Amino acid sequence: MTPLDKVGEFGLIGRIQQTVEITQPSTILGIGDDAAILAPAAGQELVISTDLLVEGVHFDLTFCPLKHLGYKAVAVNVSDIAAMNALPTQIVVAVSIPARFTVEAVEELFEGIKLACEAYNVDLVGGDTTGSRAGLTISITALGQVAAGKAVRRSGAGPNDLLCVTGDLGGAYLGLQVLEREKQVWQADPESQPELDKYPYVLQRQLRPEARMDVIHELRDLGVVPTSMIDVSDGLASEVLHLCQASGTGARIFTENLPIANPTLEVAEEFNLDPIMCMLNGGEDYELLFTVPLADHAKLKNHPDITIIGHMVDKSEGANLITKAGQPVPLKAQGFSHFG
């Protein structure tokens, strides 16, 4: 293993640069100068989003492989670009690295970043590296493009719009519960081996989530333009409330319509957790929550990976979960809060 101080900052950047390939036509100049040069296509608007991942807050290196962490760091940023109905084009990566890391460890992190860049067709065009006296910190800025006037905001929903979500919910939260439990077992007995083989689905949902760019492309193919959209990072309930607040509406979502995968349901039962709570407040699913006009119902009702979970209503009705018995329960944002 090679200590970081043996290669230095510029040596480390050089090693990273050697693995970077440029594929986007809008990238004029990438890594290697004081700044990148980009040229968005005519008629396109630039979309920018930044996420910060901090060791001990967003991830635990006890159970989070560096390659997965690098991939996830890109995916969560691409998810924000997707939520604007845009296509990602470039990322800028800044990392603050503790002295305990080796060159090989940093290269493993960037291998995950590179794999995500290939998966989402984005260019790594710059960033920064610095030392850290605390834990590992990763800051990624993602850039994307969308046709002028075609970005989808949180604020466009209206009463009677259908409320839809991609994929299934709660898996990432249950994956975290499994990892936290096995960490406690290991801390009590360092000779023990973690029992993770039973949980591939929820572990993948937690450690290596995917941004739903596939759905963005499918909606375009279907001729469906969402009226509002957000990605599910802090829990479904929180995101529904964000759409309601921005759009000036209320919402009704139905318990029996909420999508959950069988492996997630099984883990919820094992941990004696309410699956509805996991779906509403678990977070980190990185699915897309969006609204469409009622007229688009026929286009989406049979889609295998999109579920209509409810509809928007007048603001005066509030945002409610409707139980199987037909009782309204006010939605509350009970997901993760950095300052809660």
Protein backbone atom coordinates (compact mmCIF):
# COMPACT_ATOMS: atom_id res chain seq x y z
CA MET A 1 0.00 0.00 0.00
CA THR A 2 1.25 3.45 -0.93
CA PRO A 3 1.02 6.32 1.60
CA LEU A 4 -0.55 9.48 0.21
CA ASP A 5 2.47 11.58 1.15
CA LYS A 6 4.63 9.46 -1.14
CA VAL A 7 2.84 10.67 -4.30
CA GLY A 8 1.56 14.05 -3.08
CA GLU A 9 -1.52 15.95 -4.21
CA PHE A 10 -0.47 16.48 -7.82
CA GLY A 11 0.76 12.94 -8.18
CA LEU A 12 -2.59 11.69 -6.91
CA ILE A 13 -4.48 13.97 -9.32
CA GLY A 14 -2.28 12.73 -12.15
CA ARG A 15 -3.10 9.11 -11.36
CA ILE A 16 -6.82 9.93 -11.32
CA GLN A 17 -6.57 11.93 -14.55
CA GLN A 18 -5.07 8.97 -16.38
CA THR A 19 -8.28 6.98 -15.89
CA VAL A 20 -10.68 9.73 -17.02
CA GLU A 21 -12.29 9.62 -20.47
CA ILE A 22 -14.21 12.51 -22.02
CA THR A 23 -17.35 11.57 -23.97
CA GLN A 24 -19.72 14.57 -23.83
CA PRO A 25 -19.73 16.94 -26.84
CA SER A 26 -20.29 19.84 -24.44
CA THR A 27 -16.97 19.20 -22.66
CA ILE A 28 -14.32 21.38 -24.30
CA LEU A 29 -11.63 21.01 -21.62
CA GLY A 30 -11.59 18.69 -18.61
CA ILE A 31 -9.02 17.98 -15.89
CA GLY A 32 -5.60 19.57 -16.20
CA ASP A 33 -6.08 23.34 -16.17
CA ASP A 34 -7.32 25.95 -13.71
CA ALA A 35 -10.92 25.33 -14.72
CA ALA A 36 -12.96 23.20 -17.08
CA ILE A 37 -14.48 24.65 -20.23
CA LEU A 38 -18.02 23.63 -21.20
CA ALA A 39 -20.21 24.63 -24.12
CA PRO A 40 -23.90 23.72 -23.63
CA ALA A 41 -25.76 22.98 -26.85
CA ALA A 42 -27.88 25.70 -28.44
CA GLY A 43 -31.36 25.88 -26.99
CA GLN A 44 -30.34 24.06 -23.80
CA GLU A 45 -30.41 25.34 -20.25
CA LEU A 46 -27.77 24.40 -17.67
CA VAL A 47 -28.87 22.53 -14.54
CA ILE A 48 -26.53 22.36 -11.53
CA SER A 49 -26.75 20.46 -8.23
CA THR A 50 -24.33 19.78 -5.38
CA ASP A 51 -24.28 17.11 -2.68
CA LEU A 52 -21.90 16.73 0.23
CA LEU A 53 -21.20 13.30 1.74
CA VAL A 54 -19.51 13.32 5.15
CA GLU A 55 -18.07 10.30 6.94
CA GLY A 56 -20.02 9.58 10.10
CA VAL A 57 -23.06 11.50 8.84
CA HIS A 58 -23.85 10.05 5.40
CA PHE A 59 -21.74 6.89 5.39
CA ASP A 60 -19.85 4.53 7.66
CA LEU A 61 -16.66 3.03 6.25
CA THR A 62 -17.02 0.10 8.65
CA PHE A 63 -19.47 -1.41 6.20
CA CYS A 64 -19.43 0.83 3.12
CA PRO A 65 -16.94 -0.30 0.43
CA LEU A 66 -15.10 2.63 -1.13
CA LYS A 67 -15.99 1.60 -4.68
CA HIS A 68 -19.69 1.53 -3.77
CA LEU A 69 -19.32 4.87 -2.00
CA GLY A 70 -17.80 6.47 -5.10
CA TYR A 71 -20.62 5.13 -7.26
CA LYS A 72 -23.29 6.24 -4.80
CA ALA A 73 -21.80 9.74 -4.51
CA VAL A 74 -22.29 10.22 -8.25
CA ALA A 75 -25.69 8.51 -8.37
CA VAL A 76 -27.25 10.76 -5.72
CA ASN A 77 -26.16 13.83 -7.67
CA VAL A 78 -27.39 12.46 -10.99
CA SER A 79 -30.70 11.76 -9.25
CA ASP A 80 -31.11 15.49 -8.59
CA ILE A 81 -30.46 16.24 -12.26
CA ALA A 82 -33.02 13.58 -13.25
CA ALA A 83 -35.56 15.19 -10.91
CA MET A 84 -35.34 18.33 -13.06
CA ASN A 85 -36.15 16.27 -16.20
CA ALA A 86 -32.61 16.99 -17.40
CA LEU A 87 -29.79 14.82 -18.74
CA PRO A 88 -26.53 14.80 -16.75
CA THR A 89 -23.40 15.82 -18.64
CA GLN A 90 -20.50 16.57 -16.27
CA ILE A 91 -19.43 16.28 -12.63
CA VAL A 92 -16.81 18.02 -10.51
CA VAL A 93 -15.45 16.06 -7.54
CA ALA A 94 -13.76 17.45 -4.43
CA VAL A 95 -12.49 15.10 -1.73
CA SER A 96 -10.99 15.79 1.68
CA ILE A 97 -8.91 12.73 2.56
CA PRO A 98 -7.63 11.62 5.98
CA ALA A 99 -3.95 10.68 6.29
CA ARG A 100 -4.89 7.09 7.16
CA PHE A 101 -5.94 6.52 3.53
CA THR A 102 -3.56 4.95 1.05
CA VAL A 103 -3.22 5.84 -2.62
CA GLU A 104 -4.87 2.53 -3.47
CA ALA A 105 -7.87 3.36 -1.26
CA VAL A 106 -8.38 6.67 -3.04
CA GLU A 107 -8.07 4.94 -6.40
CA GLU A 108 -10.76 2.46 -5.32
CA LEU A 109 -13.05 5.38 -4.46
CA PHE A 110 -12.44 6.92 -7.88
CA GLU A 111 -12.96 3.57 -9.58
CA GLY A 112 -16.53 3.69 -8.26
CA ILE A 113 -16.86 7.29 -9.47
CA LYS A 114 -15.58 6.25 -12.90
CA LEU A 115 -18.05 3.35 -13.11
CA ALA A 116 -20.93 5.71 -12.33
CA CYS A 117 -19.69 8.20 -14.93
CA GLU A 118 -19.79 5.42 -17.51
CA ALA A 119 -23.24 4.25 -16.38
CA TYR A 120 -24.77 7.73 -16.60
CA ASN A 121 -22.67 9.00 -19.52
CA VAL A 122 -21.14 11.94 -17.66
CA ASP A 123 -17.65 13.43 -17.80
CA LEU A 124 -15.47 14.02 -14.74
CA VAL A 125 -14.05 17.44 -15.63
CA GLY A 126 -12.37 18.70 -12.46
CA GLY A 127 -12.39 19.10 -8.72
CA ASP A 128 -9.99 19.34 -5.81
CA THR A 129 -8.17 17.16 -3.29
CA THR A 130 -7.10 18.17 0.19
CA GLY A 131 -6.08 16.56 3.45
CA SER A 132 -8.49 16.05 6.31
CA ARG A 133 -7.91 16.03 10.05
CA ALA A 134 -11.32 14.45 10.52
CA GLY A 135 -13.06 11.90 8.30
CA LEU A 136 -13.49 11.51 4.56
CA THR A 137 -15.62 14.17 2.86
CA ILE A 138 -16.83 13.99 -0.74
CA SER A 139 -18.40 16.95 -2.51
CA ILE A 140 -19.78 16.44 -6.01
CA THR A 141 -21.29 19.06 -8.27
CA ALA A 142 -23.32 17.65 -11.15
CA LEU A 143 -24.20 19.55 -14.30
CA GLY A 144 -26.88 18.70 -16.81
CA GLN A 145 -28.78 20.09 -19.75
CA VAL A 146 -32.44 20.41 -20.55
CA ALA A 147 -34.24 22.03 -23.46
CA ALA A 148 -35.04 25.66 -22.69
CA GLY A 149 -38.27 25.92 -20.74
CA LYS A 150 -38.58 22.13 -20.29
CA ALA A 151 -37.11 21.73 -16.81
CA VAL A 152 -39.60 20.21 -14.36
CA ARG A 153 -39.78 22.02 -11.03
CA ARG A 154 -41.43 21.11 -7.75
CA SER A 155 -43.94 23.90 -8.20
CA GLY A 156 -46.03 22.82 -11.21
CA ALA A 157 -48.53 20.38 -9.73
CA GLY A 158 -52.24 21.18 -9.64
CA PRO A 159 -55.33 19.61 -8.04
CA ASN A 160 -56.33 16.30 -9.69
CA ASP A 161 -52.82 15.64 -11.02
CA LEU A 162 -51.85 12.01 -10.49
CA LEU A 163 -49.03 11.40 -7.99
CA CYS A 164 -46.59 8.73 -9.17
CA VAL A 165 -43.43 7.11 -7.87
CA THR A 166 -40.88 4.91 -9.58
CA GLY A 167 -39.58 1.57 -8.32
CA ASP A 168 -40.22 0.57 -4.73
CA LEU A 169 -39.62 2.16 -1.36
CA GLY A 170 -38.11 1.38 2.03
CA GLY A 171 -35.31 -0.90 0.82
CA ALA A 172 -32.42 1.48 1.53
CA TYR A 173 -33.62 2.10 5.08
CA LEU A 174 -33.92 -1.62 5.80
CA GLY A 175 -30.49 -2.20 4.29
CA LEU A 176 -29.08 0.33 6.74
CA GLN A 177 -30.78 -1.48 9.63
CA VAL A 178 -29.09 -4.75 8.60
CA LEU A 179 -25.66 -3.09 8.35
CA GLU A 180 -26.02 -1.31 11.69
CA ARG A 181 -27.05 -4.54 13.40
CA GLU A 182 -24.11 -6.49 11.98
CA LYS A 183 -21.74 -3.68 12.95
CA GLN A 184 -22.92 -3.93 16.56
CA VAL A 185 -22.41 -7.69 16.49
CA TRP A 186 -18.88 -7.23 15.11
CA GLN A 187 -18.03 -4.57 17.70
CA ALA A 188 -19.12 -6.94 20.47
CA ASP A 189 -17.12 -9.81 18.94
CA PRO A 190 -14.47 -8.80 16.35
CA GLU A 191 -13.98 -12.51 15.51
CA SER A 192 -17.56 -12.84 14.28
CA GLN A 193 -18.44 -12.80 10.59
CA PRO A 194 -21.28 -10.57 9.36
CA GLU A 195 -24.39 -12.40 8.16
CA LEU A 196 -25.22 -10.51 5.00
CA ASP A 197 -25.89 -13.20 2.41
CA LYS A 198 -29.63 -13.19 3.14
CA TYR A 199 -30.05 -9.51 2.30
CA PRO A 200 -28.68 -8.75 -1.19
CA TYR A 201 -31.60 -6.60 -2.30
CA VAL A 202 -31.82 -4.20 0.63
CA LEU A 203 -28.02 -3.97 0.89
CA GLN A 204 -27.76 -2.96 -2.74
CA ARG A 205 -30.49 -0.38 -2.22
CA GLN A 206 -28.46 1.16 0.60
CA LEU A 207 -24.89 0.81 -0.64
CA ARG A 208 -25.28 1.21 -4.41
CA PRO A 209 -28.50 3.01 -5.35
CA GLU A 210 -29.26 3.94 -8.93
CA ALA A 211 -30.48 7.28 -10.25
CA ARG A 212 -33.62 6.72 -12.32
CA MET A 213 -32.39 8.19 -15.59
CA ASP A 214 -34.02 5.21 -17.31
CA VAL A 215 -37.44 6.54 -16.34
CA ILE A 216 -36.62 10.02 -17.61
CA HIS A 217 -35.91 8.53 -21.03
CA GLU A 218 -39.05 6.36 -20.88
CA LEU A 219 -41.29 9.30 -20.00
CA ARG A 220 -39.94 11.16 -23.02
CA ASP A 221 -40.64 8.15 -25.22
CA LEU A 222 -44.20 8.01 -23.87
CA GLY A 223 -44.75 11.71 -24.46
CA VAL A 224 -45.35 12.30 -20.75
CA VAL A 225 -44.11 15.56 -19.24
CA PRO A 226 -44.42 15.66 -15.44
CA THR A 227 -45.98 18.78 -13.97
CA SER A 228 -43.72 18.54 -10.90
CA MET A 229 -40.96 16.21 -9.76
CA ILE A 230 -38.54 15.48 -6.90
CA ASP A 231 -36.28 12.58 -6.00
CA VAL A 232 -36.96 10.52 -2.87
CA SER A 233 -33.89 11.12 -0.71
CA ASP A 234 -35.39 12.06 2.66
CA GLY A 235 -38.44 9.81 2.71
CA LEU A 236 -41.65 9.74 0.67
CA ALA A 237 -43.69 11.75 3.19
CA SER A 238 -41.13 14.55 3.22
CA GLU A 239 -40.99 14.70 -0.57
CA VAL A 240 -44.79 14.73 -0.98
CA LEU A 241 -44.90 17.67 1.43
CA HIS A 242 -42.18 19.45 -0.57
CA LEU A 243 -44.27 19.13 -3.74
CA CYS A 244 -47.39 20.33 -1.93
CA GLN A 245 -45.62 23.32 -0.43
CA ALA A 246 -43.99 24.36 -3.70
CA SER A 247 -47.13 23.82 -5.78
CA GLY A 248 -49.64 25.23 -3.29
CA THR A 249 -51.66 22.02 -3.16
CA GLY A 250 -52.61 19.19 -0.87
CA ALA A 251 -52.26 15.46 -1.59
CA ARG A 252 -53.91 12.13 -0.96
CA ILE A 253 -51.78 8.99 -1.10
CA PHE A 254 -53.21 5.54 -0.49
CA THR A 255 -51.66 2.94 1.78
CA GLU A 256 -52.54 0.02 -0.49
CA ASN A 257 -50.84 1.70 -3.46
CA LEU A 258 -47.42 2.21 -1.87
CA PRO A 259 -44.86 -0.04 -3.63
CA ILE A 260 -42.62 -2.30 -1.57
CA ALA A 261 -40.48 -5.22 -2.76
CA ASN A 262 -40.91 -8.63 -1.13
CA PRO A 263 -37.30 -8.74 0.18
CA THR A 264 -37.86 -5.36 1.83
CA LEU A 265 -41.10 -6.53 3.39
CA GLU A 266 -39.39 -9.65 4.77
CA VAL A 267 -36.62 -7.61 6.41
CA ALA A 268 -39.18 -5.20 7.90
CA GLU A 269 -40.95 -8.16 9.48
CA GLU A 270 -37.63 -9.53 10.79
CA PHE A 271 -36.87 -6.20 12.48
CA ASN A 272 -40.46 -5.81 13.67
CA LEU A 273 -40.78 -2.53 11.78
CA ASP A 274 -43.93 -1.16 10.17
CA PRO A 275 -43.37 -1.36 6.39
CA ILE A 276 -45.53 1.73 5.84
CA MET A 277 -43.26 3.69 8.17
CA CYS A 278 -40.21 2.42 6.29
CA MET A 279 -41.65 3.54 2.96
CA LEU A 280 -42.84 6.93 4.20
CA ASN A 281 -39.85 7.95 6.30
CA GLY A 282 -36.89 5.69 5.48
CA GLY A 283 -35.23 7.79 2.78
CA GLU A 284 -32.27 7.18 0.45
CA ASP A 285 -34.35 5.29 -2.10
CA TYR A 286 -33.52 7.83 -4.84
CA GLU A 287 -36.67 6.99 -6.73
CA LEU A 288 -38.55 9.74 -8.58
CA LEU A 289 -41.79 11.18 -7.22
CA PHE A 290 -43.72 13.15 -9.82
CA THR A 291 -47.12 14.38 -10.86
CA VAL A 292 -48.78 14.14 -14.28
CA PRO A 293 -52.09 15.38 -15.67
CA LEU A 294 -55.05 13.03 -15.26
CA ALA A 295 -55.11 12.69 -19.05
CA ASP A 296 -51.83 10.73 -18.89
CA HIS A 297 -53.35 7.94 -16.78
CA ALA A 298 -53.68 5.54 -19.72
CA LYS A 299 -50.01 5.98 -20.63
CA LEU A 300 -48.76 5.07 -17.15
CA LYS A 301 -51.33 2.73 -15.60
CA ASN A 302 -49.63 -0.43 -16.91
CA HIS A 303 -46.02 0.71 -16.62
CA PRO A 304 -44.14 -2.02 -14.71
CA ASP A 305 -41.92 0.39 -12.80
CA ILE A 306 -44.20 3.36 -12.12
CA THR A 307 -46.93 3.28 -9.47
CA ILE A 308 -49.76 5.79 -9.18
CA ILE A 309 -49.95 6.24 -5.41
CA GLY A 310 -52.53 9.02 -5.21
CA HIS A 311 -53.40 12.46 -6.48
CA MET A 312 -53.05 16.13 -5.66
CA VAL A 313 -55.96 18.01 -4.12
CA ASP A 314 -56.78 21.55 -3.10
CA LYS A 315 -54.44 23.01 -0.49
CA SER A 316 -57.31 23.32 1.99
CA GLU A 317 -57.59 19.53 2.19
CA GLY A 318 -53.99 19.11 3.39
CA ALA A 319 -51.63 16.23 2.66
CA ASN A 320 -52.92 12.90 3.94
CA LEU A 321 -52.23 9.19 3.87
CA ILE A 322 -55.50 7.33 3.31
CA THR A 323 -55.60 4.03 5.19
CA LYS A 324 -57.21 0.86 3.89
CA ALA A 325 -60.18 1.72 6.08
CA GLY A 326 -60.51 5.05 4.29
CA GLN A 327 -59.28 7.15 7.21
CA PRO A 328 -57.06 10.18 6.45
CA VAL A 329 -53.83 10.47 8.45
CA PRO A 330 -51.89 13.74 8.08
CA LEU A 331 -48.48 13.24 6.51
CA LYS A 332 -45.52 14.30 8.61
CA ALA A 333 -41.90 14.67 7.53
CA GLN A 334 -40.21 12.23 9.90
CA GLY A 335 -37.21 11.25 7.80
CA PHE A 336 -33.59 12.11 8.49
CA SER A 337 -32.86 15.75 9.37
CA HIS A 338 -29.32 17.12 9.57
CA PHE A 339 -30.33 19.74 12.10
CA GLY A 340 -33.15 17.92 13.86
